[in-house]
Amino acid sequence: MSDETKAAIRTFIVENFLFGDDSHPLPADLSLIDNDLIDSTGILELVGFLEERFGVQVADADIVPTNLDTIERIAGFIARKQAA
């Protein structure tokens, strides 16, 4: 997974869920769900972004915390989808 992918995901999260407030650290391993940064509606927005930005298809079965809970997990998920 590339740093560019992580940076794009982080930028999306900051702009859409933190309203551009980049003053707080957002480590790649921080749980977006447990820290209330993203909710179920936000997950759907994130999925739309991932599909558009990275050209992947996210199936309903893929929408689980294992794939979408941290920037690190999201980047890994994208890498696996693009390699398939």
Protein backbone atom coordinates (compact mmCIF):
# COMPACT_ATOMS: atom_id res chain seq x y z
CA MET A 1 0.00 0.00 0.00
CA SER A 2 1.43 3.32 -0.98
CA ASP A 3 1.87 6.49 1.03
CA GLU A 4 0.02 8.28 -1.79
CA THR A 5 -3.04 6.08 -1.22
CA LYS A 6 -2.94 6.72 2.53
CA ALA A 7 -2.55 10.46 1.95
CA ALA A 8 -5.58 10.55 -0.39
CA ILE A 9 -7.70 8.64 2.14
CA ARG A 10 -6.53 10.85 5.00
CA THR A 11 -7.32 14.01 3.00
CA PHE A 12 -10.82 12.71 2.23
CA ILE A 13 -11.46 11.94 5.91
CA VAL A 14 -10.19 15.32 7.09
CA GLU A 15 -12.19 17.26 4.49
CA ASN A 16 -15.43 15.31 4.85
CA PHE A 17 -15.58 14.21 8.48
CA LEU A 18 -13.36 16.68 10.30
CA PHE A 19 -14.56 19.63 8.21
CA GLY A 20 -11.03 20.48 7.12
CA ASP A 21 -9.68 20.63 10.69
CA ASP A 22 -6.24 19.13 10.24
CA SER A 23 -5.00 20.26 13.66
CA HIS A 24 -5.53 16.88 15.34
CA PRO A 25 -3.31 13.91 14.62
CA LEU A 26 -4.91 11.20 12.53
CA PRO A 27 -2.58 8.18 12.75
CA ALA A 28 -2.98 5.51 10.08
CA ASP A 29 -3.91 2.95 12.76
CA LEU A 30 -6.56 5.07 14.54
CA SER A 31 -10.00 3.42 14.57
CA LEU A 32 -12.34 5.72 12.68
CA ILE A 33 -15.39 3.93 14.06
CA ASP A 34 -14.36 3.58 17.73
CA ASN A 35 -13.32 7.24 17.83
CA ASP A 36 -16.63 8.41 16.32
CA LEU A 37 -14.96 9.98 13.31
CA ILE A 38 -17.19 8.08 10.90
CA ASP A 39 -20.67 6.60 11.19
CA SER A 40 -22.74 4.34 8.96
CA THR A 41 -23.62 7.17 6.58
CA GLY A 42 -19.98 8.18 6.52
CA ILE A 43 -18.98 4.64 5.59
CA LEU A 44 -21.22 4.88 2.53
CA GLU A 45 -19.61 8.22 1.59
CA LEU A 46 -16.19 6.63 2.06
CA VAL A 47 -17.16 3.68 -0.15
CA GLY A 48 -18.31 6.07 -2.89
CA PHE A 49 -15.01 7.93 -2.68
CA LEU A 50 -12.98 4.72 -2.84
CA GLU A 51 -14.88 3.46 -5.86
CA GLU A 52 -14.52 6.76 -7.71
CA ARG A 53 -10.95 7.67 -6.72
CA PHE A 54 -9.35 4.23 -6.93
CA GLY A 55 -11.56 2.53 -9.53
CA VAL A 56 -12.53 -0.40 -7.34
CA GLN A 57 -15.87 -2.06 -6.73
CA VAL A 58 -16.80 -2.42 -3.06
CA ALA A 59 -19.31 -5.22 -2.52
CA ASP A 60 -21.71 -5.17 0.42
CA ALA A 61 -19.73 -8.04 1.96
CA ASP A 62 -16.59 -5.84 1.85
CA ILE A 63 -18.16 -3.16 4.07
CA VAL A 64 -16.77 -4.41 7.38
CA PRO A 65 -14.43 -2.87 9.96
CA THR A 66 -11.68 -5.29 8.91
CA ASN A 67 -11.50 -3.38 5.61
CA LEU A 68 -12.65 0.13 6.50
CA ASP A 69 -11.87 0.97 10.15
CA THR A 70 -8.45 2.64 9.82
CA ILE A 71 -6.54 4.46 7.10
CA GLU A 72 -4.08 1.57 7.14
CA ARG A 73 -6.82 -1.05 6.66
CA ILE A 74 -8.51 1.00 3.94
CA ALA A 75 -5.21 1.37 2.04
CA GLY A 76 -4.57 -2.37 2.34
CA PHE A 77 -8.08 -3.12 1.14
CA ILE A 78 -7.58 -0.86 -1.89
CA ALA A 79 -4.25 -2.53 -2.68
CA ARG A 80 -5.85 -5.99 -2.56
CA LYS A 81 -8.77 -4.89 -4.74
CA GLN A 82 -6.49 -3.32 -7.33
CA ALA A 83 -4.27 -6.41 -7.42
CA ALA A 84 -7.23 -8.74 -8.02
